[in-house]
Amino acid sequence: MIREDKRKGVFVEGLSEWVVRSPDEVYGLIKKGSSIRATGATRLNEISSRSHALFIIIVEQNELQSHPVSHSSSKLNEQNYTQSFKVGKLNLVDLAGSERVSISGATG
């Protein structure tokens, strides 16, 4: 069920959430999700999806940069720091097949 929360924003209740550190880990989760999807044969498609799939990728980047302080400072090697934080979000959605039952013979 789709919900909205002041802190989380819009989210789907009951979805699992994983922290990953590499593209291989992302691919592993996609494979895992694909393996548990409900599928069934129809007259139009041998492996028609009978379930929806939602895969959300959130990428966060946190960067700390140092900048030398001008020479007018009395302390040598003093640094100023700036921090930047960027977030990207990609929603991948695959909806269950919606073929016309009269043509596809889909059941369930």
Protein backbone atom coordinates (compact mmCIF):
# COMPACT_ATOMS: atom_id res chain seq x y z
CA MET A 1 0.00 0.00 0.00
CA ILE A 2 1.33 3.45 -0.89
CA ARG A 3 1.70 5.79 2.09
CA GLU A 4 2.95 9.29 2.74
CA ASP A 5 5.00 10.34 5.74
CA LYS A 6 6.36 13.76 6.70
CA ARG A 7 9.85 12.30 7.23
CA LYS A 8 10.00 9.58 4.53
CA GLY A 9 7.83 11.22 1.90
CA VAL A 10 5.89 8.85 -0.37
CA PHE A 11 6.75 5.17 0.22
CA VAL A 12 5.40 1.67 -0.32
CA GLU A 13 4.58 -0.10 2.92
CA GLY A 14 6.25 -3.46 3.44
CA LEU A 15 9.12 -3.05 0.97
CA SER A 16 12.55 -4.16 2.15
CA GLU A 17 15.41 -1.68 2.23
CA TRP A 18 19.07 -2.56 1.73
CA VAL A 19 22.29 -0.57 1.96
CA VAL A 20 24.76 -1.60 -0.74
CA ARG A 21 28.27 -0.49 -1.58
CA SER A 22 28.80 -1.77 -5.13
CA PRO A 23 27.03 -2.28 -8.47
CA ASP A 24 27.40 -6.06 -7.96
CA GLU A 25 25.34 -5.84 -4.78
CA VAL A 26 22.64 -3.86 -6.61
CA TYR A 27 22.56 -6.47 -9.37
CA GLY A 28 22.29 -9.25 -6.78
CA LEU A 29 19.20 -7.61 -5.28
CA ILE A 30 17.61 -7.21 -8.73
CA LYS A 31 18.20 -10.92 -9.39
CA LYS A 32 16.77 -11.87 -5.99
CA GLY A 33 13.64 -9.79 -6.59
CA SER A 34 13.17 -11.20 -10.09
CA SER A 35 13.42 -14.77 -8.81
CA ILE A 36 10.47 -14.37 -6.43
CA ARG A 37 8.09 -12.61 -8.82
CA ALA A 38 4.89 -14.34 -9.71
CA THR A 39 4.76 -15.29 -13.40
CA GLY A 40 2.48 -17.43 -15.53
CA ALA A 41 2.09 -18.56 -19.10
CA THR A 42 -0.55 -17.03 -21.35
CA ARG A 43 -1.35 -17.53 -25.02
CA LEU A 44 0.65 -14.37 -25.75
CA ASN A 45 3.64 -14.78 -23.44
CA GLU A 46 5.30 -17.85 -21.90
CA ILE A 47 6.56 -15.93 -18.87
CA SER A 48 4.04 -13.14 -18.31
CA SER A 49 4.48 -11.18 -15.07
CA ARG A 50 1.54 -11.65 -12.74
CA SER A 51 2.94 -9.28 -10.12
CA HIS A 52 4.18 -5.72 -9.94
CA ALA A 53 7.85 -5.02 -9.25
CA LEU A 54 9.24 -1.83 -7.76
CA PHE A 55 12.98 -1.19 -7.38
CA ILE A 56 14.12 2.16 -5.99
CA ILE A 57 17.77 3.14 -6.08
CA ILE A 58 18.87 6.03 -3.89
CA VAL A 59 22.46 7.20 -4.37
CA GLU A 60 24.04 9.47 -1.79
CA GLN A 61 27.31 11.34 -2.13
CA ASN A 62 28.96 13.14 0.76
CA GLU A 63 32.10 15.13 -0.02
CA LEU A 64 34.34 17.09 2.30
CA GLN A 65 36.75 19.53 0.65
CA SER A 66 39.56 21.38 2.35
CA HIS A 67 40.67 24.85 1.38
CA PRO A 68 43.86 26.47 2.68
CA VAL A 69 43.35 29.61 4.73
CA SER A 70 44.97 32.79 3.36
CA HIS A 71 48.50 33.65 4.50
CA SER A 72 47.24 36.48 6.69
CA SER A 73 46.33 33.89 9.32
CA SER A 74 48.78 33.43 12.15
CA LYS A 75 48.43 29.62 12.09
CA LEU A 76 50.33 27.67 9.46
CA ASN A 77 48.57 24.84 7.58
CA GLU A 78 45.13 25.96 8.77
CA GLN A 79 42.29 24.67 6.58
CA ASN A 80 38.70 25.67 5.92
CA TYR A 81 36.29 22.87 5.02
CA THR A 82 33.16 22.78 2.93
CA GLN A 83 30.81 19.84 2.76
CA SER A 84 28.48 18.94 -0.08
CA PHE A 85 25.78 16.30 0.08
CA LYS A 86 23.97 15.12 -3.05
CA VAL A 87 21.10 12.64 -3.39
CA GLY A 88 19.76 10.99 -6.53
CA LYS A 89 16.71 8.71 -6.71
CA LEU A 90 15.77 6.33 -9.53
CA ASN A 91 12.41 4.51 -9.51
CA LEU A 92 12.19 1.36 -11.66
CA VAL A 93 8.67 -0.04 -12.02
CA ASP A 94 7.46 -3.11 -13.91
CA LEU A 95 3.71 -3.56 -13.76
CA ALA A 96 2.04 -6.94 -14.03
CA GLY A 97 0.87 -7.95 -17.51
CA SER A 98 -2.48 -6.47 -18.45
CA GLU A 99 -3.33 -8.35 -21.61
CA ARG A 100 -6.98 -8.72 -22.53
CA VAL A 101 -8.14 -11.94 -20.92
CA SER A 102 -10.22 -12.85 -24.00
CA ILE A 103 -7.06 -12.79 -26.13
CA SER A 104 -4.40 -13.96 -23.67
CA GLY A 105 -6.34 -16.55 -21.68
CA ALA A 106 -4.66 -15.18 -18.51
CA THR A 107 -6.03 -16.45 -15.20
CA GLY A 108 -5.34 -15.51 -11.59
